[in-house]
Amino acid sequence: MGNIISDYMLDIKGETCPYPVLKTLEALENLQKGEILEVISDCTQSINNIPTDAKNHGYEVLCIEQDGPDIRFFIRK
């Protein structure tokens, strides 16, 4: 989805669970309300864990894209 412009990018490829979720939530805490974080992960559990935990913490998951092993999340605080 090329029309979403992220304010920040977090590349956590190579990290295994639970670190992708923990690092994503930590990064989101530091954003201003309305800013968008782009997260890139290759941890297979991330496809479920990151969106679920982000929503549970009150963040809005705008888009999830998968390209081979890489999963890209766009999350608004």
PDB file of N, CA and C in Angstrom:
ATOM      1  N   MET A   1       0.851  -1.182   0.000  1.00  0.00           N
ATOM      2  CA  MET A   1       0.000   0.000   0.000  1.00  0.00           C
ATOM      3  C   MET A   1       0.886   1.231   0.000  1.00  0.00           C
ATOM      4  N   GLY A   2       1.222   1.717  -1.148  1.00  0.00           N
ATOM      5  CA  GLY A   2       2.191   2.782  -1.269  1.00  0.00           C
ATOM      6  C   GLY A   2       1.713   4.151  -0.845  1.00  0.00           C
ATOM      7  N   ASN A   3       0.428   4.308  -0.489  1.00  0.00           N
ATOM      8  CA  ASN A   3      -0.059   5.633  -0.161  1.00  0.00           C
ATOM      9  C   ASN A   3       0.032   5.964   1.325  1.00  0.00           C
ATOM     10  N   ILE A   4       0.504   5.059   2.144  1.00  0.00           N
ATOM     11  CA  ILE A   4       0.697   5.347   3.564  1.00  0.00           C
ATOM     12  C   ILE A   4       2.133   5.820   3.762  1.00  0.00           C
ATOM     13  N   ILE A   5       2.261   7.013   4.299  1.00  0.00           N
ATOM     14  CA  ILE A   5       3.585   7.580   4.568  1.00  0.00           C
ATOM     15  C   ILE A   5       3.839   7.449   6.069  1.00  0.00           C
ATOM     16  N   SER A   6       4.885   6.705   6.418  1.00  0.00           N
ATOM     17  CA  SER A   6       5.194   6.527   7.837  1.00  0.00           C
ATOM     18  C   SER A   6       6.073   7.669   8.333  1.00  0.00           C
ATOM     19  N   ASP A   7       5.923   7.981   9.610  1.00  0.00           N
ATOM     20  CA  ASP A   7       6.774   8.990  10.251  1.00  0.00           C
ATOM     21  C   ASP A   7       8.090   8.366  10.710  1.00  0.00           C
ATOM     22  N   TYR A   8       8.030   7.091  11.087  1.00  0.00           N
ATOM     23  CA  TYR A   8       9.209   6.389  11.587  1.00  0.00           C
ATOM     24  C   TYR A   8       9.195   4.963  11.064  1.00  0.00           C
ATOM     25  N   MET A   9      10.400   4.355  10.952  1.00  0.00           N
ATOM     26  CA  MET A   9      10.497   2.974  10.529  1.00  0.00           C
ATOM     27  C   MET A   9      11.301   2.187  11.552  1.00  0.00           C
ATOM     28  N   LEU A  10      10.827   0.989  11.850  1.00  0.00           N
ATOM     29  CA  LEU A  10      11.499   0.084  12.781  1.00  0.00           C
ATOM     30  C   LEU A  10      11.772  -1.213  12.031  1.00  0.00           C
ATOM     31  N   ASP A  11      13.039  -1.482  11.762  1.00  0.00           N
ATOM     32  CA  ASP A  11      13.434  -2.707  11.048  1.00  0.00           C
ATOM     33  C   ASP A  11      13.899  -3.715  12.093  1.00  0.00           C
ATOM     34  N   ILE A  12      13.071  -4.730  12.326  1.00  0.00           N
ATOM     35  CA  ILE A  12      13.403  -5.729  13.349  1.00  0.00           C
ATOM     36  C   ILE A  12      13.569  -7.114  12.732  1.00  0.00           C
ATOM     37  N   LYS A  13      13.997  -7.145  11.466  1.00  0.00           N
ATOM     38  CA  LYS A  13      14.250  -8.436  10.826  1.00  0.00           C
ATOM     39  C   LYS A  13      15.364  -9.154  11.586  1.00  0.00           C
ATOM     40  N   GLY A  14      15.200 -10.452  11.742  1.00  0.00           N
ATOM     41  CA  GLY A  14      16.190 -11.243  12.459  1.00  0.00           C
ATOM     42  C   GLY A  14      15.869 -11.417  13.933  1.00  0.00           C
ATOM     43  N   GLU A  15      14.939 -10.612  14.441  1.00  0.00           N
ATOM     44  CA  GLU A  15      14.523 -10.734  15.850  1.00  0.00           C
ATOM     45  C   GLU A  15      13.472 -11.835  15.958  1.00  0.00           C
ATOM     46  N   THR A  16      13.565 -12.644  17.014  1.00  0.00           N
ATOM     47  CA  THR A  16      12.574 -13.699  17.228  1.00  0.00           C
ATOM     48  C   THR A  16      11.635 -13.291  18.359  1.00  0.00           C
ATOM     49  N   CYS A  17      10.463 -13.909  18.380  1.00  0.00           N
ATOM     50  CA  CYS A  17       9.467 -13.585  19.402  1.00  0.00           C
ATOM     51  C   CYS A  17      10.042 -13.846  20.793  1.00  0.00           C
ATOM     52  N   PRO A  18       9.733 -13.004  21.757  1.00  0.00           N
ATOM     53  CA  PRO A  18       8.725 -11.938  21.727  1.00  0.00           C
ATOM     54  C   PRO A  18       9.276 -10.569  21.359  1.00  0.00           C
ATOM     55  N   TYR A  19      10.521 -10.467  20.921  1.00  0.00           N
ATOM     56  CA  TYR A  19      11.150  -9.160  20.726  1.00  0.00           C
ATOM     57  C   TYR A  19      10.479  -8.268  19.684  1.00  0.00           C
ATOM     58  N   PRO A  20       9.989  -8.793  18.550  1.00  0.00           N
ATOM     59  CA  PRO A  20       9.324  -7.894  17.604  1.00  0.00           C
ATOM     60  C   PRO A  20       8.145  -7.131  18.227  1.00  0.00           C
ATOM     61  N   VAL A  21       7.321  -7.838  18.998  1.00  0.00           N
ATOM     62  CA  VAL A  21       6.177  -7.181  19.645  1.00  0.00           C
ATOM     63  C   VAL A  21       6.657  -6.177  20.689  1.00  0.00           C
ATOM     64  N   LEU A  22       7.596  -6.578  21.522  1.00  0.00           N
ATOM     65  CA  LEU A  22       8.081  -5.689  22.580  1.00  0.00           C
ATOM     66  C   LEU A  22       8.709  -4.426  22.004  1.00  0.00           C
ATOM     67  N   LYS A  23       9.523  -4.578  20.969  1.00  0.00           N
ATOM     68  CA  LYS A  23      10.184  -3.417  20.365  1.00  0.00           C
ATOM     69  C   LYS A  23       9.184  -2.522  19.636  1.00  0.00           C
ATOM     70  N   THR A  24       8.169  -3.136  19.028  1.00  0.00           N
ATOM     71  CA  THR A  24       7.127  -2.350  18.354  1.00  0.00           C
ATOM     72  C   THR A  24       6.360  -1.508  19.359  1.00  0.00           C
ATOM     73  N   LEU A  25       5.931  -2.120  20.459  1.00  0.00           N
ATOM     74  CA  LEU A  25       5.170  -1.384  21.472  1.00  0.00           C
ATOM     75  C   LEU A  25       6.019  -0.284  22.108  1.00  0.00           C
ATOM     76  N   GLU A  26       7.288  -0.570  22.330  1.00  0.00           N
ATOM     77  CA  GLU A  26       8.194   0.427  22.905  1.00  0.00           C
ATOM     78  C   GLU A  26       8.343   1.626  21.957  1.00  0.00           C
ATOM     79  N   ALA A  27       8.493   1.346  20.668  1.00  0.00           N
ATOM     80  CA  ALA A  27       8.631   2.422  19.685  1.00  0.00           C
ATOM     81  C   ALA A  27       7.345   3.246  19.595  1.00  0.00           C
ATOM     82  N   LEU A  28       6.186   2.570  19.630  1.00  0.00           N
ATOM     83  CA  LEU A  28       4.909   3.277  19.543  1.00  0.00           C
ATOM     84  C   LEU A  28       4.700   4.214  20.732  1.00  0.00           C
ATOM     85  N   GLU A  29       5.173   3.812  21.900  1.00  0.00           N
ATOM     86  CA  GLU A  29       5.040   4.663  23.089  1.00  0.00           C
ATOM     87  C   GLU A  29       5.722   6.008  22.899  1.00  0.00           C
ATOM     88  N   ASN A  30       6.802   6.035  22.117  1.00  0.00           N
ATOM     89  CA  ASN A  30       7.586   7.252  21.933  1.00  0.00           C
ATOM     90  C   ASN A  30       7.048   8.159  20.826  1.00  0.00           C
ATOM     91  N   LEU A  31       6.032   7.708  20.101  1.00  0.00           N
ATOM     92  CA  LEU A  31       5.454   8.525  19.030  1.00  0.00           C
ATOM     93  C   LEU A  31       4.450   9.522  19.593  1.00  0.00           C
ATOM     94  N   GLN A  32       4.224  10.583  18.836  1.00  0.00           N
ATOM     95  CA  GLN A  32       3.160  11.528  19.155  1.00  0.00           C
ATOM     96  C   GLN A  32       1.852  10.968  18.604  1.00  0.00           C
ATOM     97  N   LYS A  33       0.741  11.348  19.220  1.00  0.00           N
ATOM     98  CA  LYS A  33      -0.572  10.875  18.750  1.00  0.00           C
ATOM     99  C   LYS A  33      -0.750  11.239  17.278  1.00  0.00           C
ATOM    100  N   GLY A  34      -1.170  10.256  16.472  1.00  0.00           N
ATOM    101  CA  GLY A  34      -1.410  10.471  15.055  1.00  0.00           C
ATOM    102  C   GLY A  34      -0.235  10.086  14.170  1.00  0.00           C
ATOM    103  N   GLU A  35       0.954   9.923  14.754  1.00  0.00           N
ATOM    104  CA  GLU A  35       2.111   9.533  13.954  1.00  0.00           C
ATOM    105  C   GLU A  35       2.023   8.052  13.591  1.00  0.00           C
ATOM    106  N   ILE A  36       2.665   7.688  12.480  1.00  0.00           N
ATOM    107  CA  ILE A  36       2.594   6.322  11.959  1.00  0.00           C
ATOM    108  C   ILE A  36       3.970   5.667  12.016  1.00  0.00           C
ATOM    109  N   LEU A  37       3.984   4.460  12.551  1.00  0.00           N
ATOM    110  CA  LEU A  37       5.202   3.654  12.621  1.00  0.00           C
ATOM    111  C   LEU A  37       5.113   2.539  11.581  1.00  0.00           C
ATOM    112  N   GLU A  38       6.166   2.390  10.798  1.00  0.00           N
ATOM    113  CA  GLU A  38       6.280   1.283   9.857  1.00  0.00           C
ATOM    114  C   GLU A  38       7.221   0.264  10.475  1.00  0.00           C
ATOM    115  N   VAL A  39       6.756  -0.962  10.614  1.00  0.00           N
ATOM    116  CA  VAL A  39       7.553  -2.027  11.226  1.00  0.00           C
ATOM    117  C   VAL A  39       7.812  -3.097  10.171  1.00  0.00           C
ATOM    118  N   ILE A  40       9.069  -3.532  10.063  1.00  0.00           N
ATOM    119  CA  ILE A  40       9.418  -4.612   9.137  1.00  0.00           C
ATOM    120  C   ILE A  40       9.979  -5.771   9.960  1.00  0.00           C
ATOM    121  N   SER A  41       9.333  -6.921   9.829  1.00  0.00           N
ATOM    122  CA  SER A  41       9.725  -8.103  10.602  1.00  0.00           C
ATOM    123  C   SER A  41       9.739  -9.319   9.681  1.00  0.00           C
ATOM    124  N   ASP A  42      10.561 -10.301  10.047  1.00  0.00           N
ATOM    125  CA  ASP A  42      10.519 -11.569   9.329  1.00  0.00           C
ATOM    126  C   ASP A  42      10.218 -12.728  10.289  1.00  0.00           C
ATOM    127  N   CYS A  43       9.741 -12.391  11.465  1.00  0.00           N
ATOM    128  CA  CYS A  43       9.320 -13.397  12.451  1.00  0.00           C
ATOM    129  C   CYS A  43       7.895 -13.832  12.087  1.00  0.00           C
ATOM    130  N   THR A  44       7.714 -15.114  11.825  1.00  0.00           N
ATOM    131  CA  THR A  44       6.415 -15.587  11.333  1.00  0.00           C
ATOM    132  C   THR A  44       5.270 -15.324  12.316  1.00  0.00           C
ATOM    133  N   GLN A  45       5.541 -15.347  13.616  1.00  0.00           N
ATOM    134  CA  GLN A  45       4.480 -15.098  14.590  1.00  0.00           C
ATOM    135  C   GLN A  45       4.037 -13.637  14.601  1.00  0.00           C
ATOM    136  N   SER A  46       4.857 -12.750  14.047  1.00  0.00           N
ATOM    137  CA  SER A  46       4.549 -11.324  14.051  1.00  0.00           C
ATOM    138  C   SER A  46       3.249 -11.005  13.337  1.00  0.00           C
ATOM    139  N   ILE A  47       2.907 -11.782  12.312  1.00  0.00           N
ATOM    140  CA  ILE A  47       1.699 -11.516  11.529  1.00  0.00           C
ATOM    141  C   ILE A  47       0.464 -11.510  12.429  1.00  0.00           C
ATOM    142  N   ASN A  48       0.494 -12.291  13.503  1.00  0.00           N
ATOM    143  CA  ASN A  48      -0.616 -12.322  14.456  1.00  0.00           C
ATOM    144  C   ASN A  48      -0.339 -11.465  15.691  1.00  0.00           C
ATOM    145  N   ASN A  49       0.879 -11.582  16.225  1.00  0.00           N
ATOM    146  CA  ASN A  49       1.190 -10.945  17.510  1.00  0.00           C
ATOM    147  C   ASN A  49       1.219  -9.425  17.458  1.00  0.00           C
ATOM    148  N   ILE A  50       1.877  -8.851  16.460  1.00  0.00           N
ATOM    149  CA  ILE A  50       2.022  -7.391  16.416  1.00  0.00           C
ATOM    150  C   ILE A  50       0.665  -6.707  16.277  1.00  0.00           C
ATOM    151  N   PRO A  51      -0.194  -7.091  15.312  1.00  0.00           N
ATOM    152  CA  PRO A  51      -1.489  -6.409  15.211  1.00  0.00           C
ATOM    153  C   PRO A  51      -2.359  -6.580  16.461  1.00  0.00           C
ATOM    154  N   THR A  52      -2.370  -7.782  17.029  1.00  0.00           N
ATOM    155  CA  THR A  52      -3.192  -8.039  18.216  1.00  0.00           C
ATOM    156  C   THR A  52      -2.733  -7.184  19.385  1.00  0.00           C
ATOM    157  N   ASP A  53      -1.437  -7.190  19.666  1.00  0.00           N
ATOM    158  CA  ASP A  53      -0.927  -6.418  20.800  1.00  0.00           C
ATOM    159  C   ASP A  53      -1.058  -4.918  20.561  1.00  0.00           C
ATOM    160  N   ALA A  54      -0.839  -4.477  19.330  1.00  0.00           N
ATOM    161  CA  ALA A  54      -0.986  -3.050  19.025  1.00  0.00           C
ATOM    162  C   ALA A  54      -2.426  -2.601  19.282  1.00  0.00           C
ATOM    163  N   LYS A  55      -3.392  -3.366  18.804  1.00  0.00           N
ATOM    164  CA  LYS A  55      -4.808  -3.026  19.017  1.00  0.00           C
ATOM    165  C   LYS A  55      -5.149  -3.057  20.500  1.00  0.00           C
ATOM    166  N   ASN A  56      -4.627  -4.047  21.220  1.00  0.00           N
ATOM    167  CA  ASN A  56      -4.900  -4.152  22.656  1.00  0.00           C
ATOM    168  C   ASN A  56      -4.351  -2.965  23.440  1.00  0.00           C
ATOM    169  N   HIS A  57      -3.339  -2.293  22.892  1.00  0.00           N
ATOM    170  CA  HIS A  57      -2.761  -1.115  23.541  1.00  0.00           C
ATOM    171  C   HIS A  57      -3.351   0.185  22.989  1.00  0.00           C
ATOM    172  N   GLY A  58      -4.373   0.072  22.156  1.00  0.00           N
ATOM    173  CA  GLY A  58      -5.084   1.256  21.678  1.00  0.00           C
ATOM    174  C   GLY A  58      -4.527   1.869  20.402  1.00  0.00           C
ATOM    175  N   TYR A  59      -3.649   1.162  19.698  1.00  0.00           N
ATOM    176  CA  TYR A  59      -3.089   1.674  18.455  1.00  0.00           C
ATOM    177  C   TYR A  59      -3.910   1.166  17.275  1.00  0.00           C
ATOM    178  N   GLU A  60      -3.840   1.873  16.157  1.00  0.00           N
ATOM    179  CA  GLU A  60      -4.613   1.521  14.973  1.00  0.00           C
ATOM    180  C   GLU A  60      -3.697   0.885  13.922  1.00  0.00           C
ATOM    181  N   VAL A  61      -3.992  -0.361  13.560  1.00  0.00           N
ATOM    182  CA  VAL A  61      -3.229  -1.050  12.523  1.00  0.00           C
ATOM    183  C   VAL A  61      -3.848  -0.655  11.183  1.00  0.00           C
ATOM    184  N   LEU A  62      -3.095   0.099  10.386  1.00  0.00           N
ATOM    185  CA  LEU A  62      -3.607   0.622   9.120  1.00  0.00           C
ATOM    186  C   LEU A  62      -3.476  -0.371   7.984  1.00  0.00           C
ATOM    187  N   CYS A  63      -2.381  -1.121   7.975  1.00  0.00           N
ATOM    188  CA  CYS A  63      -2.102  -1.978   6.830  1.00  0.00           C
ATOM    189  C   CYS A  63      -1.059  -3.025   7.218  1.00  0.00           C
ATOM    190  N   ILE A  64      -1.201  -4.214   6.642  1.00  0.00           N
ATOM    191  CA  ILE A  64      -0.199  -5.273   6.794  1.00  0.00           C
ATOM    192  C   ILE A  64       0.103  -5.786   5.391  1.00  0.00           C
ATOM    193  N   GLU A  65       1.383  -5.787   5.035  1.00  0.00           N
ATOM    194  CA  GLU A  65       1.803  -6.286   3.725  1.00  0.00           C
ATOM    195  C   GLU A  65       2.827  -7.391   3.930  1.00  0.00           C
ATOM    196  N   GLN A  66       2.717  -8.447   3.138  1.00  0.00           N
ATOM    197  CA  GLN A  66       3.716  -9.511   3.220  1.00  0.00           C
ATOM    198  C   GLN A  66       4.367  -9.679   1.857  1.00  0.00           C
ATOM    199  N   ASP A  67       5.699  -9.686   1.862  1.00  0.00           N
ATOM    200  CA  ASP A  67       6.469  -9.865   0.633  1.00  0.00           C
ATOM    201  C   ASP A  67       7.533 -10.912   0.934  1.00  0.00           C
ATOM    202  N   GLY A  68       7.264 -12.152   0.545  1.00  0.00           N
ATOM    203  CA  GLY A  68       8.174 -13.237   0.888  1.00  0.00           C
ATOM    204  C   GLY A  68       8.212 -13.392   2.398  1.00  0.00           C
ATOM    205  N   PRO A  69       9.407 -13.468   2.991  1.00  0.00           N
ATOM    206  CA  PRO A  69       9.500 -13.638   4.443  1.00  0.00           C
ATOM    207  C   PRO A  69       9.276 -12.335   5.215  1.00  0.00           C
ATOM    208  N   ASP A  70       9.313 -11.191   4.527  1.00  0.00           N
ATOM    209  CA  ASP A  70       9.182  -9.904   5.213  1.00  0.00           C
ATOM    210  C   ASP A  70       7.722  -9.499   5.366  1.00  0.00           C
ATOM    211  N   ILE A  71       7.395  -9.055   6.574  1.00  0.00           N
ATOM    212  CA  ILE A  71       6.051  -8.568   6.875  1.00  0.00           C
ATOM    213  C   ILE A  71       6.196  -7.102   7.261  1.00  0.00           C
ATOM    214  N   ARG A  72       5.384  -6.253   6.653  1.00  0.00           N
ATOM    215  CA  ARG A  72       5.455  -4.810   6.899  1.00  0.00           C
ATOM    216  C   ARG A  72       4.124  -4.374   7.528  1.00  0.00           C
ATOM    217  N   PHE A  73       4.218  -3.694   8.652  1.00  0.00           N
ATOM    218  CA  PHE A  73       3.046  -3.208   9.384  1.00  0.00           C
ATOM    219  C   PHE A  73       3.070  -1.677   9.393  1.00  0.00           C
ATOM    220  N   PHE A  74       1.921  -1.074   9.226  1.00  0.00           N
ATOM    221  CA  PHE A  74       1.776   0.372   9.382  1.00  0.00           C
ATOM    222  C   PHE A  74       0.802   0.588  10.530  1.00  0.00           C
ATOM    223  N   ILE A  75       1.281   1.213  11.608  1.00  0.00           N
ATOM    224  CA  ILE A  75       0.495   1.343  12.832  1.00  0.00           C
ATOM    225  C   ILE A  75       0.473   2.819  13.251  1.00  0.00           C
ATOM    226  N   ARG A  76      -0.741   3.330  13.500  1.00  0.00           N
ATOM    227  CA  ARG A  76      -0.885   4.718  13.938  1.00  0.00           C
ATOM    228  C   ARG A  76      -1.124   4.756  15.442  1.00  0.00           C
ATOM    229  N   LYS A  77      -0.401   5.695  16.085  1.00  0.00           N
ATOM    230  CA  LYS A  77      -0.599   5.868  17.530  1.00  0.00           C
ATOM    231  C   LYS A  77      -1.874   6.657  17.745  1.00  0.00           C
TER     232      LYS A  77
END
